Each structure stands twice: as structure tokens, then as C-alpha cells.
Amino acid sequence: MSDTATMHIDGASRGNPGPAAYAVVLSRPGLPVVEEADVIGKATNNVAEYTALVEGLALARELGVPRLAVFSDSELMVKQMNGEYKVKHPDMLPLYREAKQLAAGFAEFRIAHVRREQNKRADEIGNDALDGRPRKRGQAGPPPPSATAPAASPSGPPQAASDAGVRGDALAVLASAARAWAEGGVKAVPVEAVWDQLWSVLEDGHVLKKKKAK
């Protein structure tokens, strides 16, 4: 079994700047998912995104994660962390430097950009924090059913996603992985992480049948 953990992060600001929060969803092989989300006061979206990265890296280090693959829907932050863009804004520089320092402590660290649709759980718990429902550091447990299956509508059972929508999301996952592999080699994004993302897309689209509870 791979010892590479995967982490989805998100930051949000209602107002930009405005009330802001960060969210972290950490998945380790063979262990429960760990989630963390909390408010950070008034901040911009970019500061919230970097705060999510710093808090997530600190959490992973605290839990002894040796290798980490991070996924974020902030293309700007990902490109800055990968050295493609420079960080110039004074509010972001200290967070960027702290993130680089924390990232250097892993035996292997990668960060890749994903579409917002592939970052749903982190987005959800970040909004929960802004609505007064934070998740404190170290809170463990699998995501609730609402995170992996759409709720039933008043008019009947949930409808499966369209074939075109599922296909588009799956292709986006593969395209993102292909770009990362082309730029950084096969270790840029663990194949296990790509599989987890594809599984989530197929499950959310009701292509895969969930196991019935015994």
C-alpha cells in the first residue's frame, strides 16, 4: 500500500475581502479521513487559500504523514507554489514562505490544480465554517452521506448526473493528471490520488453502485 496521503484544501471569502474561512480534507491510506475547517476573520480569497494550505500542511506534519499530494482549485496558488508565478502581495508572502517551509519537511510533496467540482467536500465544510459550523483540528471520521450522494428532492429520488457531465468531470481529472505528469514526471501526482478522484466522479454520477449496508 502506498504511504502517500492526499489532501484537498479550500479557502473562501464572502466579500473578498470579507468574512473568510479555510478547509482541509486529509485522506491517509487505511485510516479515517480527517477534516478541519474554521474561520480566520476578514481576509481575501487568496489569503484564505494560503491559510488552508498552511493549516493543512501543519495538520499532515502533526499526524506524521511522510508523503503528501495536495489538490486545490486555486490555480494561482498552485502555480506560485510550483514556481511558475512569483508571490508579490505583502499579505500572501508570509503565508507562502511558511507553506514552502512546511512542505520541505515531507519526504515527498506535490501540489496540483483541480476544478472546483473535484474539490466539493473541502468547499462544503469551508462554507459550513462560515455558517457557524467549524470542524476543529483533528476531527476524524468519514464524510457524512451528503458529501458523497445528493440528497433526495421533494419530488422523488435523486437523479443521476448526465453522461456528458460525468464524462466531462472524468476527462478533466485525467487531463489535470496528464499535465502534472508531463511537467513533473510520474511522481508529480500519485496514481492512487487520480484513482480516488475518478472514483468520486463516478460515484457522484451514480455510475458505480454503492455497497448496501448489512
N, C-alpha and C. Protein backbone atom coordinates (compact mmCIF):
# COMPACT_ATOMS: atom_id res chain seq x y z
N MET A 1 0.84 -1.19 0.00
CA MET A 1 0.00 0.00 0.00
C MET A 1 0.88 1.25 0.00
N SER A 2 0.52 2.23 -0.81
CA SER A 2 1.26 3.48 -0.86
C SER A 2 1.14 4.22 0.47
N ASP A 3 2.22 4.94 0.85
CA ASP A 3 2.15 5.74 2.07
C ASP A 3 1.93 7.22 1.74
N THR A 4 1.47 7.49 0.52
CA THR A 4 1.19 8.87 0.12
C THR A 4 -0.23 9.24 0.52
N ALA A 5 -0.35 10.29 1.32
CA ALA A 5 -1.67 10.82 1.69
C ALA A 5 -2.10 11.85 0.66
N THR A 6 -3.40 12.04 0.55
CA THR A 6 -3.94 13.06 -0.34
C THR A 6 -4.72 14.08 0.49
N MET A 7 -4.61 15.34 0.09
CA MET A 7 -5.26 16.39 0.85
C MET A 7 -5.93 17.39 -0.09
N HIS A 8 -7.22 17.59 0.10
CA HIS A 8 -7.96 18.61 -0.64
C HIS A 8 -8.14 19.82 0.28
N ILE A 9 -7.86 21.01 -0.24
CA ILE A 9 -7.95 22.22 0.57
C ILE A 9 -8.78 23.26 -0.16
N ASP A 10 -9.33 24.19 0.62
CA ASP A 10 -10.09 25.28 0.01
C ASP A 10 -10.13 26.46 0.97
N GLY A 11 -10.20 27.65 0.39
CA GLY A 11 -10.35 28.87 1.17
C GLY A 11 -11.42 29.72 0.53
N ALA A 12 -12.18 30.42 1.33
CA ALA A 12 -13.28 31.22 0.78
C ALA A 12 -13.42 32.52 1.55
N SER A 13 -13.82 33.57 0.84
CA SER A 13 -14.08 34.86 1.45
C SER A 13 -15.38 35.42 0.90
N ARG A 14 -16.28 35.76 1.77
CA ARG A 14 -17.55 36.34 1.35
C ARG A 14 -17.42 37.87 1.35
N GLY A 15 -17.02 38.39 0.21
CA GLY A 15 -16.81 39.82 0.09
C GLY A 15 -15.48 40.16 -0.55
N ASN A 16 -14.47 39.36 -0.32
CA ASN A 16 -13.14 39.46 -0.95
C ASN A 16 -12.57 40.89 -0.97
N PRO A 17 -12.15 41.45 0.13
CA PRO A 17 -12.08 40.80 1.45
C PRO A 17 -13.43 40.82 2.18
N GLY A 18 -13.55 39.87 3.08
CA GLY A 18 -14.75 39.74 3.87
C GLY A 18 -14.57 38.59 4.84
N PRO A 19 -15.63 38.16 5.51
CA PRO A 19 -15.53 37.00 6.40
C PRO A 19 -14.96 35.81 5.62
N ALA A 20 -13.92 35.20 6.17
CA ALA A 20 -13.19 34.15 5.43
C ALA A 20 -13.00 32.90 6.27
N ALA A 21 -12.79 31.80 5.58
CA ALA A 21 -12.56 30.51 6.25
C ALA A 21 -11.68 29.64 5.38
N TYR A 22 -11.11 28.62 6.00
CA TYR A 22 -10.30 27.64 5.27
C TYR A 22 -10.85 26.25 5.56
N ALA A 23 -10.50 25.30 4.71
CA ALA A 23 -10.96 23.91 4.89
C ALA A 23 -9.90 22.94 4.43
N VAL A 24 -9.80 21.81 5.13
CA VAL A 24 -8.83 20.77 4.83
C VAL A 24 -9.51 19.41 4.93
N VAL A 25 -9.30 18.56 3.93
CA VAL A 25 -9.78 17.18 3.96
C VAL A 25 -8.58 16.28 3.68
N LEU A 26 -8.12 15.56 4.69
CA LEU A 26 -6.91 14.75 4.60
C LEU A 26 -7.26 13.27 4.59
N SER A 27 -6.83 12.57 3.56
CA SER A 27 -7.07 11.13 3.43
C SER A 27 -5.74 10.39 3.47
N ARG A 28 -5.63 9.47 4.44
CA ARG A 28 -4.42 8.65 4.58
C ARG A 28 -4.76 7.20 4.31
N PRO A 29 -3.89 6.47 3.62
CA PRO A 29 -4.19 5.07 3.29
C PRO A 29 -4.51 4.24 4.54
N GLY A 30 -5.67 3.60 4.54
CA GLY A 30 -6.05 2.71 5.63
C GLY A 30 -6.48 3.38 6.91
N LEU A 31 -6.66 4.70 6.90
CA LEU A 31 -7.03 5.42 8.11
C LEU A 31 -8.25 6.30 7.84
N PRO A 32 -8.96 6.72 8.90
CA PRO A 32 -10.14 7.57 8.70
C PRO A 32 -9.76 8.92 8.10
N VAL A 33 -10.68 9.48 7.37
CA VAL A 33 -10.50 10.82 6.83
C VAL A 33 -10.50 11.82 7.99
N VAL A 34 -9.62 12.80 7.92
CA VAL A 34 -9.56 13.86 8.94
C VAL A 34 -9.93 15.18 8.27
N GLU A 35 -10.86 15.89 8.88
CA GLU A 35 -11.33 17.15 8.32
C GLU A 35 -11.09 18.28 9.30
N GLU A 36 -10.82 19.47 8.76
CA GLU A 36 -10.64 20.65 9.57
C GLU A 36 -11.13 21.87 8.80
N ALA A 37 -11.89 22.73 9.44
CA ALA A 37 -12.36 23.96 8.79
C ALA A 37 -12.68 24.97 9.88
N ASP A 38 -12.28 26.23 9.65
CA ASP A 38 -12.55 27.25 10.66
C ASP A 38 -12.48 28.63 10.01
N VAL A 39 -13.02 29.61 10.69
CA VAL A 39 -12.98 30.99 10.20
C VAL A 39 -11.65 31.63 10.56
N ILE A 40 -11.26 32.66 9.79
CA ILE A 40 -9.99 33.33 10.03
C ILE A 40 -10.17 34.85 10.12
N GLY A 41 -11.41 35.30 10.28
CA GLY A 41 -11.66 36.73 10.32
C GLY A 41 -11.84 37.29 8.92
N LYS A 42 -11.54 38.56 8.75
CA LYS A 42 -11.69 39.22 7.45
C LYS A 42 -10.43 39.02 6.62
N ALA A 43 -10.59 38.53 5.40
CA ALA A 43 -9.43 38.26 4.55
C ALA A 43 -9.89 38.15 3.10
N THR A 44 -8.92 38.11 2.19
CA THR A 44 -9.21 37.91 0.77
C THR A 44 -9.29 36.41 0.47
N ASN A 45 -9.79 36.08 -0.71
CA ASN A 45 -9.82 34.68 -1.15
C ASN A 45 -8.42 34.08 -1.16
N ASN A 46 -7.46 34.85 -1.69
CA ASN A 46 -6.10 34.31 -1.82
C ASN A 46 -5.47 34.03 -0.46
N VAL A 47 -5.69 34.93 0.50
CA VAL A 47 -5.17 34.69 1.85
C VAL A 47 -5.85 33.47 2.46
N ALA A 48 -7.14 33.31 2.23
CA ALA A 48 -7.86 32.14 2.75
C ALA A 48 -7.32 30.85 2.12
N GLU A 49 -7.01 30.89 0.82
CA GLU A 49 -6.47 29.71 0.15
C GLU A 49 -5.11 29.33 0.73
N TYR A 50 -4.26 30.31 0.94
CA TYR A 50 -2.94 30.04 1.51
C TYR A 50 -3.04 29.57 2.96
N THR A 51 -4.00 30.13 3.70
CA THR A 51 -4.21 29.68 5.08
C THR A 51 -4.61 28.22 5.10
N ALA A 52 -5.46 27.81 4.16
CA ALA A 52 -5.86 26.41 4.07
C ALA A 52 -4.64 25.52 3.82
N LEU A 53 -3.76 25.97 2.93
CA LEU A 53 -2.55 25.19 2.65
C LEU A 53 -1.66 25.08 3.88
N VAL A 54 -1.41 26.20 4.54
CA VAL A 54 -0.54 26.19 5.72
C VAL A 54 -1.13 25.33 6.83
N GLU A 55 -2.41 25.50 7.11
CA GLU A 55 -3.05 24.71 8.17
C GLU A 55 -3.08 23.23 7.80
N GLY A 56 -3.32 22.94 6.53
CA GLY A 56 -3.34 21.55 6.09
C GLY A 56 -1.97 20.89 6.19
N LEU A 57 -0.94 21.61 5.79
CA LEU A 57 0.41 21.06 5.89
C LEU A 57 0.80 20.84 7.35
N ALA A 58 0.42 21.78 8.22
CA ALA A 58 0.71 21.62 9.64
C ALA A 58 -0.01 20.40 10.21
N LEU A 59 -1.24 20.20 9.80
CA LEU A 59 -2.01 19.04 10.25
C LEU A 59 -1.35 17.74 9.79
N ALA A 60 -0.96 17.69 8.51
CA ALA A 60 -0.33 16.49 7.98
C ALA A 60 0.99 16.20 8.69
N ARG A 61 1.76 17.23 8.96
CA ARG A 61 3.02 17.04 9.70
C ARG A 61 2.73 16.53 11.10
N GLU A 62 1.73 17.10 11.75
CA GLU A 62 1.36 16.71 13.11
C GLU A 62 0.96 15.23 13.17
N LEU A 63 0.32 14.75 12.11
CA LEU A 63 -0.14 13.35 12.06
C LEU A 63 0.92 12.40 11.51
N GLY A 64 2.10 12.91 11.21
CA GLY A 64 3.20 12.06 10.76
C GLY A 64 3.11 11.58 9.33
N VAL A 65 2.42 12.33 8.48
CA VAL A 65 2.31 11.94 7.06
C VAL A 65 3.68 12.08 6.40
N PRO A 66 4.19 11.00 5.76
CA PRO A 66 5.52 11.10 5.13
C PRO A 66 5.51 11.72 3.74
N ARG A 67 4.50 11.37 2.96
CA ARG A 67 4.40 11.85 1.57
C ARG A 67 3.00 12.40 1.35
N LEU A 68 2.93 13.52 0.66
CA LEU A 68 1.65 14.22 0.56
C LEU A 68 1.42 14.78 -0.84
N ALA A 69 0.22 14.53 -1.36
CA ALA A 69 -0.23 15.13 -2.62
C ALA A 69 -1.41 16.04 -2.30
N VAL A 70 -1.27 17.32 -2.61
CA VAL A 70 -2.28 18.33 -2.28
C VAL A 70 -3.02 18.73 -3.54
N PHE A 71 -4.34 18.90 -3.41
CA PHE A 71 -5.18 19.32 -4.53
C PHE A 71 -5.94 20.58 -4.11
N SER A 72 -5.88 21.59 -4.97
CA SER A 72 -6.54 22.87 -4.69
C SER A 72 -7.16 23.39 -5.98
N ASP A 73 -8.29 24.11 -5.83
CA ASP A 73 -8.89 24.72 -7.02
C ASP A 73 -8.40 26.15 -7.24
N SER A 74 -7.38 26.57 -6.46
CA SER A 74 -6.75 27.87 -6.66
C SER A 74 -5.56 27.71 -7.61
N GLU A 75 -5.79 28.01 -8.87
CA GLU A 75 -4.72 27.86 -9.86
C GLU A 75 -3.56 28.80 -9.56
N LEU A 76 -3.87 30.01 -9.09
CA LEU A 76 -2.83 30.97 -8.76
C LEU A 76 -1.90 30.42 -7.69
N MET A 77 -2.46 29.92 -6.59
CA MET A 77 -1.63 29.41 -5.51
C MET A 77 -0.81 28.22 -5.95
N VAL A 78 -1.41 27.32 -6.70
CA VAL A 78 -0.69 26.13 -7.16
C VAL A 78 0.49 26.53 -8.02
N LYS A 79 0.28 27.47 -8.94
CA LYS A 79 1.38 27.89 -9.81
C LYS A 79 2.46 28.65 -9.04
N GLN A 80 2.06 29.38 -8.01
CA GLN A 80 3.06 30.05 -7.18
C GLN A 80 3.87 29.02 -6.39
N MET A 81 3.21 28.03 -5.83
CA MET A 81 3.92 27.01 -5.06
C MET A 81 4.84 26.18 -5.95
N ASN A 82 4.47 26.02 -7.22
CA ASN A 82 5.29 25.25 -8.16
C ASN A 82 6.32 26.10 -8.88
N GLY A 83 6.42 27.38 -8.49
CA GLY A 83 7.45 28.24 -9.05
C GLY A 83 7.14 28.85 -10.40
N GLU A 84 5.90 28.70 -10.87
CA GLU A 84 5.53 29.26 -12.18
C GLU A 84 5.21 30.74 -12.10
N TYR A 85 4.66 31.17 -10.97
CA TYR A 85 4.35 32.58 -10.73
C TYR A 85 5.09 33.03 -9.47
N LYS A 86 5.42 34.32 -9.43
CA LYS A 86 6.03 34.89 -8.23
C LYS A 86 4.96 35.41 -7.29
N VAL A 87 5.26 35.42 -6.01
CA VAL A 87 4.37 35.97 -4.99
C VAL A 87 4.85 37.38 -4.66
N LYS A 88 4.01 38.36 -4.90
CA LYS A 88 4.40 39.75 -4.66
C LYS A 88 3.55 40.45 -3.60
N HIS A 89 2.33 39.97 -3.41
CA HIS A 89 1.42 40.66 -2.49
C HIS A 89 1.92 40.50 -1.05
N PRO A 90 2.02 41.59 -0.30
CA PRO A 90 2.56 41.51 1.08
C PRO A 90 1.73 40.66 2.03
N ASP A 91 0.43 40.55 1.78
CA ASP A 91 -0.41 39.72 2.66
C ASP A 91 -0.17 38.23 2.43
N MET A 92 0.32 37.86 1.25
CA MET A 92 0.48 36.46 0.91
C MET A 92 1.90 35.94 1.12
N LEU A 93 2.88 36.86 1.08
CA LEU A 93 4.28 36.42 1.19
C LEU A 93 4.59 35.63 2.46
N PRO A 94 4.16 36.08 3.65
CA PRO A 94 4.47 35.30 4.86
C PRO A 94 3.84 33.91 4.82
N LEU A 95 2.61 33.81 4.32
CA LEU A 95 1.95 32.51 4.23
C LEU A 95 2.64 31.61 3.20
N TYR A 96 3.05 32.19 2.10
CA TYR A 96 3.77 31.44 1.07
C TYR A 96 5.07 30.86 1.63
N ARG A 97 5.82 31.70 2.33
CA ARG A 97 7.09 31.24 2.91
C ARG A 97 6.87 30.16 3.95
N GLU A 98 5.82 30.32 4.76
CA GLU A 98 5.53 29.30 5.77
C GLU A 98 5.12 27.98 5.09
N ALA A 99 4.33 28.08 4.02
CA ALA A 99 3.92 26.88 3.31
C ALA A 99 5.12 26.17 2.69
N LYS A 100 6.04 26.91 2.11
CA LYS A 100 7.24 26.30 1.50
C LYS A 100 8.09 25.62 2.57
N GLN A 101 8.18 26.26 3.72
CA GLN A 101 8.96 25.67 4.81
C GLN A 101 8.34 24.37 5.31
N LEU A 102 7.02 24.38 5.48
CA LEU A 102 6.33 23.17 5.91
C LEU A 102 6.43 22.07 4.86
N ALA A 103 6.27 22.44 3.59
CA ALA A 103 6.31 21.45 2.51
C ALA A 103 7.67 20.77 2.42
N ALA A 104 8.72 21.50 2.76
CA ALA A 104 10.07 20.95 2.69
C ALA A 104 10.29 19.84 3.72
N GLY A 105 9.42 19.75 4.71
CA GLY A 105 9.57 18.74 5.75
C GLY A 105 9.05 17.36 5.38
N PHE A 106 8.40 17.24 4.21
CA PHE A 106 7.90 15.93 3.77
C PHE A 106 8.95 15.24 2.90
N ALA A 107 8.96 13.92 2.96
CA ALA A 107 9.85 13.16 2.09
C ALA A 107 9.50 13.40 0.63
N GLU A 108 8.21 13.63 0.37
CA GLU A 108 7.76 13.95 -0.98
C GLU A 108 6.52 14.83 -0.87
N PHE A 109 6.51 15.91 -1.62
CA PHE A 109 5.37 16.84 -1.61
C PHE A 109 5.05 17.27 -3.03
N ARG A 110 3.77 17.19 -3.36
CA ARG A 110 3.30 17.66 -4.66
C ARG A 110 2.01 18.44 -4.46
N ILE A 111 1.80 19.43 -5.31
CA ILE A 111 0.54 20.18 -5.28
C ILE A 111 0.05 20.35 -6.71
N ALA A 112 -1.23 20.11 -6.92
CA ALA A 112 -1.81 20.16 -8.27
C ALA A 112 -3.15 20.87 -8.24
N HIS A 113 -3.47 21.48 -9.37
CA HIS A 113 -4.73 22.19 -9.51
C HIS A 113 -5.83 21.25 -9.96
N VAL A 114 -7.02 21.39 -9.38
CA VAL A 114 -8.20 20.63 -9.80
C VAL A 114 -9.36 21.60 -9.97
N ARG A 115 -10.34 21.19 -10.71
CA ARG A 115 -11.54 22.00 -10.87
C ARG A 115 -12.32 22.02 -9.56
N ARG A 116 -13.13 23.05 -9.41
CA ARG A 116 -13.90 23.20 -8.17
C ARG A 116 -14.82 22.00 -7.95
N GLU A 117 -15.33 21.43 -9.04
CA GLU A 117 -16.22 20.27 -8.92
C GLU A 117 -15.52 19.08 -8.28
N GLN A 118 -14.18 19.04 -8.41
CA GLN A 118 -13.42 17.93 -7.83
C GLN A 118 -12.92 18.27 -6.43
N ASN A 119 -13.37 19.39 -5.91
CA ASN A 119 -12.95 19.83 -4.58
C ASN A 119 -14.18 20.09 -3.70
N LYS A 120 -15.25 19.34 -3.95
CA LYS A 120 -16.55 19.63 -3.37
C LYS A 120 -16.57 19.55 -1.84
N ARG A 121 -15.93 18.52 -1.29
CA ARG A 121 -16.02 18.33 0.15
C ARG A 121 -15.34 19.48 0.90
N ALA A 122 -14.16 19.88 0.45
CA ALA A 122 -13.46 20.98 1.09
C ALA A 122 -14.29 22.26 0.98
N ASP A 123 -14.87 22.48 -0.18
CA ASP A 123 -15.71 23.67 -0.39
C ASP A 123 -16.91 23.64 0.57
N GLU A 124 -17.49 22.47 0.74
CA GLU A 124 -18.68 22.32 1.60
C GLU A 124 -18.37 22.64 3.05
N ILE A 125 -17.30 22.06 3.58
CA ILE A 125 -17.03 22.27 5.01
C ILE A 125 -16.49 23.67 5.27
N GLY A 126 -15.86 24.28 4.24
CA GLY A 126 -15.44 25.68 4.38
C GLY A 126 -16.64 26.60 4.52
N ASN A 127 -17.66 26.35 3.72
CA ASN A 127 -18.89 27.14 3.83
C ASN A 127 -19.62 26.85 5.14
N ASP A 128 -19.54 25.59 5.60
CA ASP A 128 -20.12 25.27 6.91
C ASP A 128 -19.47 26.12 8.00
N ALA A 129 -18.14 26.28 7.93
CA ALA A 129 -17.43 27.08 8.93
C ALA A 129 -17.91 28.53 8.90
N LEU A 130 -18.10 29.07 7.70
CA LEU A 130 -18.59 30.44 7.57
C LEU A 130 -20.01 30.57 8.11
N ASP A 131 -20.75 29.47 8.09
CA ASP A 131 -22.13 29.48 8.60
C ASP A 131 -22.20 29.12 10.09
N GLY A 132 -21.03 29.08 10.75
CA GLY A 132 -21.02 28.83 12.18
C GLY A 132 -20.88 27.37 12.58
N ARG A 133 -20.45 26.51 11.64
CA ARG A 133 -20.28 25.08 11.95
C ARG A 133 -18.85 24.65 11.61
N PRO A 134 -17.86 25.10 12.40
CA PRO A 134 -16.47 24.74 12.12
C PRO A 134 -16.17 23.29 12.47
N ARG A 135 -15.07 22.80 11.95
CA ARG A 135 -14.54 21.49 12.31
C ARG A 135 -13.15 21.71 12.87
N LYS A 136 -12.99 21.41 14.15
CA LYS A 136 -11.74 21.71 14.82
C LYS A 136 -10.66 20.71 14.45
N ARG A 137 -9.41 21.12 14.68
CA ARG A 137 -8.25 20.31 14.30
C ARG A 137 -8.33 18.90 14.85
N GLY A 138 -8.08 17.94 13.94
CA GLY A 138 -8.04 16.55 14.34
C GLY A 138 -9.37 15.85 14.36
N GLN A 139 -10.45 16.52 13.99
CA GLN A 139 -11.75 15.84 13.98
C GLN A 139 -11.72 14.74 12.93
N ALA A 140 -11.99 13.52 13.36
CA ALA A 140 -11.87 12.38 12.46
C ALA A 140 -13.23 11.84 12.07
N GLY A 141 -13.21 10.98 11.07
CA GLY A 141 -14.44 10.32 10.66
C GLY A 141 -14.70 10.51 9.19
N PRO A 142 -15.36 9.55 8.55
CA PRO A 142 -15.65 9.67 7.13
C PRO A 142 -16.65 10.77 6.87
N PRO A 143 -16.64 11.35 5.67
CA PRO A 143 -17.62 12.39 5.35
C PRO A 143 -19.03 11.85 5.50
N PRO A 144 -19.97 12.69 5.90
CA PRO A 144 -21.35 12.25 6.02
C PRO A 144 -21.92 11.89 4.67
N PRO A 145 -23.04 11.14 4.62
CA PRO A 145 -23.59 10.70 3.35
C PRO A 145 -23.84 11.83 2.37
N SER A 146 -24.16 13.03 2.85
CA SER A 146 -24.45 14.14 1.95
C SER A 146 -23.26 14.54 1.13
N ALA A 147 -22.04 14.14 1.57
CA ALA A 147 -20.86 14.53 0.83
C ALA A 147 -20.62 13.64 -0.38
N THR A 148 -21.18 12.46 -0.36
CA THR A 148 -20.93 11.54 -1.46
C THR A 148 -22.17 11.20 -2.25
N ALA A 149 -23.34 11.59 -1.78
CA ALA A 149 -24.57 11.28 -2.51
C ALA A 149 -25.52 12.45 -2.42
N PRO A 150 -26.11 12.88 -3.53
CA PRO A 150 -27.03 14.01 -3.47
C PRO A 150 -28.28 13.67 -2.67
N ALA A 151 -28.79 14.68 -1.96
CA ALA A 151 -29.97 14.45 -1.14
C ALA A 151 -31.19 14.26 -2.02
N ALA A 152 -32.15 13.49 -1.52
CA ALA A 152 -33.38 13.27 -2.27
C ALA A 152 -34.16 14.56 -2.36
N SER A 153 -34.75 14.80 -3.50
CA SER A 153 -35.55 16.01 -3.69
C SER A 153 -36.98 15.70 -3.29
N PRO A 154 -37.77 16.75 -2.98
CA PRO A 154 -39.15 16.52 -2.56
C PRO A 154 -39.97 15.79 -3.61
N SER A 155 -39.58 15.89 -4.89
CA SER A 155 -40.38 15.30 -5.94
C SER A 155 -40.01 13.84 -6.23
N GLY A 156 -38.99 13.32 -5.54
CA GLY A 156 -38.64 11.94 -5.79
C GLY A 156 -37.19 11.67 -5.53
N PRO A 157 -36.66 10.49 -5.91
CA PRO A 157 -35.27 10.12 -5.66
C PRO A 157 -34.32 10.99 -6.45
N PRO A 158 -33.03 11.06 -6.01
CA PRO A 158 -32.06 11.88 -6.72
C PRO A 158 -31.85 11.37 -8.13
N GLN A 159 -31.63 12.31 -9.03
CA GLN A 159 -31.40 11.95 -10.42
C GLN A 159 -29.92 11.78 -10.68
N ALA A 160 -29.57 10.80 -11.49
CA ALA A 160 -28.18 10.58 -11.83
C ALA A 160 -27.68 11.73 -12.69
N ALA A 161 -26.39 12.03 -12.53
CA ALA A 161 -25.80 13.06 -13.36
C ALA A 161 -25.82 12.62 -14.81
N SER A 162 -25.83 13.57 -15.72
CA SER A 162 -25.85 13.23 -17.14
C SER A 162 -24.55 12.56 -17.53
N ASP A 163 -24.62 11.71 -18.57
CA ASP A 163 -23.42 11.04 -19.06
C ASP A 163 -22.38 12.06 -19.48
N ALA A 164 -22.82 13.15 -20.11
CA ALA A 164 -21.89 14.18 -20.57
C ALA A 164 -21.19 14.84 -19.39
N GLY A 165 -21.93 15.08 -18.31
CA GLY A 165 -21.35 15.72 -17.14
C GLY A 165 -20.32 14.82 -16.47
N VAL A 166 -20.65 13.54 -16.30
CA VAL A 166 -19.72 12.59 -15.69
C VAL A 166 -18.49 12.44 -16.56
N ARG A 167 -18.72 12.31 -17.87
CA ARG A 167 -17.59 12.15 -18.80
C ARG A 167 -16.68 13.38 -18.75
N GLY A 168 -17.30 14.59 -18.71
CA GLY A 168 -16.50 15.81 -18.66
C GLY A 168 -15.66 15.90 -17.40
N ASP A 169 -16.26 15.55 -16.25
CA ASP A 169 -15.51 15.60 -15.00
C ASP A 169 -14.38 14.57 -14.99
N ALA A 170 -14.66 13.36 -15.48
CA ALA A 170 -13.64 12.31 -15.51
C ALA A 170 -12.49 12.71 -16.43
N LEU A 171 -12.81 13.28 -17.59
CA LEU A 171 -11.77 13.71 -18.51
C LEU A 171 -10.94 14.85 -17.92
N ALA A 172 -11.61 15.71 -17.15
CA ALA A 172 -10.89 16.82 -16.51
C ALA A 172 -9.87 16.28 -15.49
N VAL A 173 -10.26 15.25 -14.74
CA VAL A 173 -9.34 14.63 -13.79
C VAL A 173 -8.12 14.07 -14.52
N LEU A 174 -8.39 13.34 -15.61
CA LEU A 174 -7.30 12.72 -16.38
C LEU A 174 -6.41 13.78 -17.03
N ALA A 175 -7.04 14.84 -17.55
CA ALA A 175 -6.26 15.90 -18.20
C ALA A 175 -5.36 16.61 -17.19
N SER A 176 -5.90 16.86 -15.99
CA SER A 176 -5.11 17.51 -14.95
C SER A 176 -3.92 16.63 -14.56
N ALA A 177 -4.17 15.32 -14.41
CA ALA A 177 -3.09 14.40 -14.07
C ALA A 177 -2.06 14.33 -15.19
N ALA A 178 -2.53 14.33 -16.43
CA ALA A 178 -1.61 14.26 -17.58
C ALA A 178 -0.69 15.47 -17.61
N ARG A 179 -1.25 16.66 -17.34
CA ARG A 179 -0.42 17.86 -17.32
C ARG A 179 0.63 17.79 -16.21
N ALA A 180 0.19 17.33 -15.03
CA ALA A 180 1.12 17.23 -13.91
C ALA A 180 2.23 16.22 -14.21
N TRP A 181 1.87 15.09 -14.81
CA TRP A 181 2.87 14.08 -15.15
C TRP A 181 3.83 14.57 -16.24
N ALA A 182 3.28 15.33 -17.20
CA ALA A 182 4.12 15.85 -18.28
C ALA A 182 5.14 16.86 -17.74
N GLU A 183 4.72 17.64 -16.74
CA GLU A 183 5.59 18.67 -16.20
C GLU A 183 6.54 18.14 -15.12
N GLY A 184 6.06 17.19 -14.32
CA GLY A 184 6.86 16.75 -13.18
C GLY A 184 7.18 15.28 -13.12
N GLY A 185 6.84 14.53 -14.17
CA GLY A 185 7.10 13.10 -14.16
C GLY A 185 6.00 12.32 -13.48
N VAL A 186 6.14 11.01 -13.46
CA VAL A 186 5.07 10.15 -12.95
C VAL A 186 4.84 10.31 -11.46
N LYS A 187 5.80 10.90 -10.74
CA LYS A 187 5.63 11.08 -9.30
C LYS A 187 4.94 12.40 -8.96
N ALA A 188 4.64 13.21 -9.97
CA ALA A 188 4.04 14.52 -9.71
C ALA A 188 2.71 14.39 -8.99
N VAL A 189 1.90 13.43 -9.41
CA VAL A 189 0.62 13.14 -8.75
C VAL A 189 0.51 11.63 -8.61
N PRO A 190 0.34 11.11 -7.40
CA PRO A 190 0.24 9.66 -7.22
C PRO A 190 -0.95 9.09 -7.98
N VAL A 191 -0.75 7.92 -8.59
CA VAL A 191 -1.85 7.32 -9.34
C VAL A 191 -3.01 6.99 -8.42
N GLU A 192 -2.70 6.72 -7.14
CA GLU A 192 -3.79 6.45 -6.18
C GLU A 192 -4.70 7.67 -6.03
N ALA A 193 -4.10 8.86 -6.05
CA ALA A 193 -4.89 10.08 -5.91
C ALA A 193 -5.79 10.28 -7.13
N VAL A 194 -5.26 9.98 -8.30
CA VAL A 194 -6.06 10.11 -9.52
C VAL A 194 -7.21 9.12 -9.49
N TRP A 195 -6.93 7.91 -9.05
CA TRP A 195 -7.98 6.89 -8.95
C TRP A 195 -9.07 7.34 -7.97
N ASP A 196 -8.66 7.88 -6.82
CA ASP A 196 -9.64 8.35 -5.83
C ASP A 196 -10.54 9.42 -6.43
N GLN A 197 -9.97 10.33 -7.22
CA GLN A 197 -10.77 11.38 -7.84
C GLN A 197 -11.73 10.81 -8.87
N LEU A 198 -11.24 9.88 -9.69
CA LEU A 198 -12.12 9.25 -10.68
C LEU A 198 -13.24 8.48 -10.00
N TRP A 199 -12.91 7.78 -8.94
CA TRP A 199 -13.93 7.02 -8.21
C TRP A 199 -15.01 7.96 -7.70
N SER A 200 -14.59 9.11 -7.15
CA SER A 200 -15.55 10.08 -6.63
C SER A 200 -16.46 10.60 -7.73
N VAL A 201 -15.89 10.89 -8.91
CA VAL A 201 -16.68 11.37 -10.04
C VAL A 201 -17.71 10.33 -10.46
N LEU A 202 -17.29 9.08 -10.56
CA LEU A 202 -18.18 8.01 -11.00
C LEU A 202 -19.26 7.71 -9.95
N GLU A 203 -18.86 7.80 -8.69
CA GLU A 203 -19.82 7.53 -7.61
C GLU A 203 -20.86 8.64 -7.54
N ASP A 204 -20.40 9.89 -7.62
CA ASP A 204 -21.33 11.02 -7.57
C ASP A 204 -22.28 11.01 -8.76
N GLY A 205 -21.82 10.49 -9.89
CA GLY A 205 -22.66 10.42 -11.08
C GLY A 205 -23.52 9.18 -11.12
N HIS A 206 -23.47 8.36 -10.06
CA HIS A 206 -24.26 7.14 -9.95
C HIS A 206 -23.90 6.12 -11.03
N VAL A 207 -22.66 6.19 -11.51
CA VAL A 207 -22.18 5.16 -12.44
C VAL A 207 -21.81 3.91 -11.66
N LEU A 208 -21.28 4.11 -10.45
CA LEU A 208 -20.93 3.00 -9.57
C LEU A 208 -22.06 2.78 -8.58
N LYS A 209 -22.31 1.55 -8.25
CA LYS A 209 -23.32 1.23 -7.26
C LYS A 209 -22.66 1.13 -5.88
N LYS A 210 -23.19 1.86 -4.93
CA LYS A 210 -22.67 1.79 -3.58
C LYS A 210 -23.06 0.47 -2.93
N LYS A 211 -22.17 -0.02 -2.06
CA LYS A 211 -22.46 -1.26 -1.35
C LYS A 211 -23.60 -1.05 -0.37
N LYS A 212 -24.49 -2.03 -0.30
CA LYS A 212 -25.61 -1.95 0.63
C LYS A 212 -25.12 -2.27 2.05
N ALA A 213 -25.64 -1.52 3.01
CA ALA A 213 -25.28 -1.77 4.40
C ALA A 213 -25.87 -3.11 4.84
N LYS A 214 -25.07 -3.87 5.58
CA LYS A 214 -25.52 -5.18 6.05
C LYS A 214 -26.38 -5.04 7.29
